[in-house]
Amino acid sequence: VCRLALGPRVAATLRSESMSDEQEKKSSRLWSIPKARWRLGIPIGALLAFGLGAVALGTTNYVLHETSTTEFCYTCHSHEMFIKPEYEASSHFANASGVRAECADCHLPHDNWFELVWTKTVVSFDIIPELQGKLDTAEKYEAHRGEMAEHVWRQFKENDSKFCRSCHSIDAMNLEEQERQAARRHSQAEERGQTCIDCHYGIVHVEPDNADEILDRLDAEMTARSED
């Protein structure tokens, strides 16, 4: 009744001030120091969050490791039937030095965890054509061999064969122990802007029949990009 007697404008002002006071009280309660009985929850909550984060990270790393083994790759039909024999007949599987390169060594990033997670996410979609039977026979595999080789060779050219360089380094090579032609090419490779895949391909997987055509096309693409 008193507010009505003061007029509508005054009453509205009083209501606004009252609401403002209530908001300030709520805000002060929100940022005030909690009572002693609740203060213990802060370190406990932080410890639980840290523990859950550690478990999540550990689980992620475990899954990444287990799904990056060569044995896991063999669970796909095409890998077991067609890739495994080629790989086990190559120098990356058995050689004089006894150093073996696994699938992950040549096809997954090693120096960037986030890039590894992204790559694993992308390649997980390869299960779709596998389930569709795209590569379930030797004839189908051979029909797509060129397509698969081009995809990998393009990737190696674009990233400067960084997967190869995780094991092989020109700086660490003893050129005197190499054949004359190989030593000359390795010593000139950096000067010419060449990368490993320019000379070393078909080491593990059998080359497609149109390998030269694919490599010429990739060279033309890279040259066009550098000129742009």
Protein backbone atom coordinates (compact mmCIF):
# COMPACT_ATOMS: atom_id res chain seq x y z
CA VAL A 1 0.00 0.00 0.00
CA CYS A 2 2.87 2.33 0.92
CA ARG A 3 4.61 1.61 -2.44
CA LEU A 4 1.40 2.31 -4.34
CA ALA A 5 1.09 5.57 -2.44
CA LEU A 6 4.60 6.56 -3.54
CA GLY A 7 3.70 6.13 -7.17
CA PRO A 8 4.53 3.48 -9.82
CA ARG A 9 7.98 4.89 -10.68
CA VAL A 10 9.16 4.93 -7.07
CA ALA A 11 7.78 1.43 -6.51
CA ALA A 12 9.63 0.13 -9.58
CA THR A 13 12.87 1.73 -8.34
CA LEU A 14 12.48 0.10 -4.94
CA ARG A 15 11.86 -3.31 -6.54
CA SER A 16 14.96 -2.89 -8.73
CA GLU A 17 17.10 -1.96 -5.74
CA SER A 18 15.73 -4.91 -3.77
CA MET A 19 16.56 -7.34 -6.60
CA SER A 20 20.03 -5.83 -6.95
CA ASP A 21 20.68 -6.35 -3.24
CA GLU A 22 19.57 -9.99 -3.48
CA GLN A 23 21.88 -10.62 -6.48
CA GLU A 24 24.83 -9.09 -4.64
CA LYS A 25 24.15 -11.31 -1.63
CA LYS A 26 24.01 -14.42 -3.84
CA SER A 27 27.23 -13.41 -5.59
CA SER A 28 29.01 -12.81 -2.31
CA ARG A 29 27.88 -16.21 -1.03
CA LEU A 30 29.17 -17.83 -4.22
CA TRP A 31 32.67 -16.40 -3.88
CA SER A 32 32.90 -16.50 -0.11
CA ILE A 33 35.29 -18.89 1.61
CA PRO A 34 33.47 -22.19 2.20
CA LYS A 35 32.84 -23.41 5.69
CA ALA A 36 35.52 -25.52 7.34
CA ARG A 37 33.56 -28.75 6.89
CA TRP A 38 33.45 -28.24 3.11
CA ARG A 39 37.06 -27.12 2.59
CA LEU A 40 38.33 -30.71 2.59
CA GLY A 41 36.27 -31.36 -0.55
CA ILE A 42 38.50 -29.08 -2.61
CA PRO A 43 41.71 -31.19 -2.44
CA ILE A 44 39.68 -34.39 -2.55
CA GLY A 45 37.87 -33.22 -5.70
CA ALA A 46 41.14 -32.17 -7.31
CA LEU A 47 42.69 -35.54 -6.44
CA LEU A 48 39.73 -37.42 -7.92
CA ALA A 49 39.87 -35.31 -11.10
CA PHE A 50 43.61 -36.00 -11.41
CA GLY A 51 43.05 -39.72 -10.86
CA LEU A 52 40.28 -39.92 -13.45
CA GLY A 53 42.40 -37.97 -15.93
CA ALA A 54 45.36 -40.30 -15.35
CA VAL A 55 43.17 -43.37 -15.84
CA ALA A 56 41.66 -41.93 -19.04
CA LEU A 57 45.09 -41.03 -20.43
CA GLY A 58 46.55 -44.40 -19.48
CA THR A 59 43.64 -46.22 -21.08
CA THR A 60 43.98 -44.17 -24.26
CA ASN A 61 47.71 -44.89 -24.49
CA TYR A 62 47.12 -48.60 -23.86
CA VAL A 63 44.52 -48.78 -26.63
CA LEU A 64 46.79 -46.83 -29.00
CA HIS A 65 49.66 -49.21 -28.30
CA GLU A 66 47.65 -52.41 -28.59
CA THR A 67 46.01 -51.32 -31.84
CA SER A 68 49.36 -50.32 -33.37
CA THR A 69 51.03 -53.71 -33.21
CA THR A 70 51.72 -55.72 -36.34
CA GLU A 71 49.70 -58.59 -34.88
CA PHE A 72 46.68 -56.30 -34.61
CA CYS A 73 47.13 -55.26 -38.26
CA TYR A 74 47.00 -58.94 -39.22
CA THR A 75 43.46 -59.21 -37.85
CA CYS A 76 42.25 -57.66 -41.11
CA HIS A 77 41.73 -60.31 -43.78
CA SER A 78 43.66 -58.44 -46.49
CA HIS A 79 46.64 -57.89 -44.20
CA GLU A 80 46.78 -61.51 -43.10
CA MET A 81 46.39 -62.92 -46.60
CA PHE A 82 48.30 -60.49 -48.81
CA ILE A 83 50.41 -58.03 -46.80
CA LYS A 84 51.88 -60.47 -44.27
CA PRO A 85 53.66 -62.66 -46.89
CA GLU A 86 55.16 -59.60 -48.60
CA TYR A 87 56.29 -58.09 -45.32
CA GLU A 88 57.86 -61.29 -44.00
CA ALA A 89 59.79 -61.72 -47.27
CA SER A 90 61.25 -58.20 -47.02
CA SER A 91 64.44 -56.85 -45.47
CA HIS A 92 62.36 -54.90 -42.97
CA PHE A 93 61.30 -58.20 -41.41
CA ALA A 94 64.58 -60.15 -41.52
CA ASN A 95 68.06 -58.76 -42.24
CA ALA A 96 71.72 -59.10 -41.31
CA SER A 97 71.57 -56.50 -38.52
CA GLY A 98 68.54 -58.10 -36.86
CA VAL A 99 66.62 -54.81 -36.69
CA ARG A 100 62.94 -55.23 -37.56
CA ALA A 101 60.60 -52.45 -38.64
CA GLU A 102 56.98 -53.07 -37.67
CA CYS A 103 53.90 -51.73 -39.44
CA ALA A 104 53.61 -48.79 -37.03
CA ASP A 105 57.23 -47.77 -37.66
CA CYS A 106 56.45 -47.02 -41.29
CA HIS A 107 52.84 -45.88 -41.14
CA LEU A 108 52.27 -44.00 -37.87
CA PRO A 109 53.68 -40.75 -36.39
CA HIS A 110 56.23 -41.14 -33.62
CA ASP A 111 56.93 -37.61 -32.40
CA ASN A 112 53.47 -36.09 -31.88
CA TRP A 113 50.85 -37.70 -29.65
CA PHE A 114 47.98 -35.63 -31.01
CA GLU A 115 48.96 -36.43 -34.59
CA LEU A 116 49.08 -40.10 -33.64
CA VAL A 117 45.56 -39.96 -32.19
CA TRP A 118 44.29 -38.14 -35.30
CA THR A 119 45.97 -40.62 -37.65
CA LYS A 120 44.59 -43.59 -35.73
CA THR A 121 41.12 -42.05 -35.89
CA VAL A 122 41.36 -41.55 -39.65
CA VAL A 123 42.76 -45.02 -40.45
CA SER A 124 40.07 -46.64 -38.30
CA PHE A 125 37.67 -45.94 -41.17
CA ASP A 126 39.66 -48.44 -43.26
CA ILE A 127 37.60 -51.11 -41.56
CA ILE A 128 34.60 -50.07 -43.70
CA PRO A 129 35.94 -51.24 -47.11
CA GLU A 130 37.45 -54.24 -45.33
CA LEU A 131 33.99 -55.26 -44.08
CA GLN A 132 32.51 -54.52 -47.49
CA GLY A 133 34.86 -57.06 -49.05
CA LYS A 134 36.78 -54.57 -51.18
CA LEU A 135 40.03 -56.51 -50.71
CA ASP A 136 38.84 -59.99 -49.84
CA THR A 137 40.38 -61.74 -52.87
CA ALA A 138 43.79 -61.65 -54.50
CA GLU A 139 42.23 -60.30 -57.71
CA LYS A 140 40.56 -57.41 -55.88
CA TYR A 141 43.73 -56.66 -53.94
CA GLU A 142 45.81 -56.47 -57.13
CA ALA A 143 43.17 -54.27 -58.75
CA HIS A 144 43.56 -51.73 -55.92
CA ARG A 145 47.32 -52.11 -55.36
CA GLY A 146 48.17 -49.05 -57.44
CA GLU A 147 45.55 -46.94 -55.65
CA MET A 148 46.91 -47.92 -52.23
CA ALA A 149 50.53 -47.41 -53.25
CA GLU A 150 49.78 -43.95 -54.62
CA HIS A 151 48.05 -42.95 -51.38
CA VAL A 152 51.04 -43.96 -49.24
CA TRP A 153 53.69 -42.60 -51.61
CA ARG A 154 51.92 -39.24 -51.77
CA GLN A 155 51.83 -39.14 -47.98
CA PHE A 156 55.56 -39.89 -47.77
CA LYS A 157 56.43 -37.22 -50.33
CA GLU A 158 54.31 -34.62 -48.53
CA ASN A 159 55.80 -35.30 -45.09
CA ASP A 160 59.39 -35.68 -46.38
CA SER A 161 59.43 -39.39 -45.54
CA LYS A 162 59.44 -38.58 -41.83
CA PHE A 163 58.43 -42.12 -40.88
CA CYS A 164 61.52 -43.43 -42.66
CA ARG A 165 63.66 -40.79 -40.96
CA SER A 166 62.56 -41.96 -37.52
CA CYS A 167 64.99 -44.86 -38.08
CA HIS A 168 67.20 -43.73 -40.98
CA SER A 169 69.23 -40.53 -40.98
CA ILE A 170 71.60 -39.41 -43.71
CA ASP A 171 73.67 -37.60 -41.07
CA ALA A 172 74.20 -40.89 -39.25
CA MET A 173 75.17 -42.86 -42.35
CA ASN A 174 78.73 -44.01 -42.86
CA LEU A 175 78.91 -43.34 -46.59
CA GLU A 176 82.31 -45.03 -46.88
CA GLU A 177 80.66 -48.35 -45.97
CA GLN A 178 78.09 -47.99 -48.76
CA GLU A 179 78.40 -48.80 -52.43
CA ARG A 180 79.74 -45.91 -54.48
CA GLN A 181 76.45 -45.19 -56.26
CA ALA A 182 74.40 -45.33 -53.06
CA ALA A 183 76.89 -43.12 -51.21
CA ARG A 184 76.81 -40.54 -54.01
CA ARG A 185 73.02 -40.44 -54.09
CA HIS A 186 72.72 -40.12 -50.33
CA SER A 187 75.27 -37.33 -50.19
CA GLN A 188 73.44 -35.40 -52.93
CA ALA A 189 69.88 -36.15 -51.83
CA GLU A 190 69.52 -33.18 -49.47
CA GLU A 191 71.05 -30.77 -51.99
CA ARG A 192 68.62 -31.93 -54.66
CA GLY A 193 65.63 -31.74 -52.34
CA GLN A 194 64.99 -35.46 -52.61
CA THR A 195 63.27 -37.56 -50.01
CA CYS A 196 63.59 -41.26 -49.17
CA ILE A 197 60.58 -42.37 -51.20
CA ASP A 198 62.08 -40.89 -54.38
CA CYS A 199 64.48 -43.84 -54.55
CA HIS A 200 63.28 -46.36 -51.97
CA TYR A 201 59.86 -47.80 -52.76
CA GLY A 202 58.57 -51.31 -53.14
CA ILE A 203 60.86 -52.34 -50.28
CA VAL A 204 58.17 -54.14 -48.29
CA HIS A 205 55.11 -54.18 -50.54
CA VAL A 206 55.21 -55.39 -54.13
CA GLU A 207 55.20 -52.51 -56.62
CA PRO A 208 52.08 -52.04 -58.74
CA ASP A 209 52.48 -52.51 -62.48
CA ASN A 210 52.04 -48.76 -63.06
CA ALA A 211 54.58 -47.71 -60.40
CA ASP A 212 56.56 -45.48 -62.77
CA GLU A 213 53.39 -43.74 -63.93
CA ILE A 214 52.32 -43.09 -60.34
CA LEU A 215 55.72 -41.72 -59.32
CA ASP A 216 55.88 -39.44 -62.37
CA ARG A 217 52.44 -38.08 -61.55
CA LEU A 218 53.40 -37.45 -57.93
CA ASP A 219 56.63 -35.73 -59.00
CA ALA A 220 54.63 -33.48 -61.33
CA GLU A 221 52.22 -32.61 -58.50
CA MET A 222 55.04 -31.77 -56.09
CA THR A 223 56.81 -29.65 -58.71
CA ALA A 224 53.60 -27.73 -59.44
CA ARG A 225 53.09 -27.07 -55.73
CA SER A 226 56.63 -25.80 -55.25
CA GLU A 227 56.23 -23.42 -58.20
CA ASP A 228 52.98 -22.03 -56.77
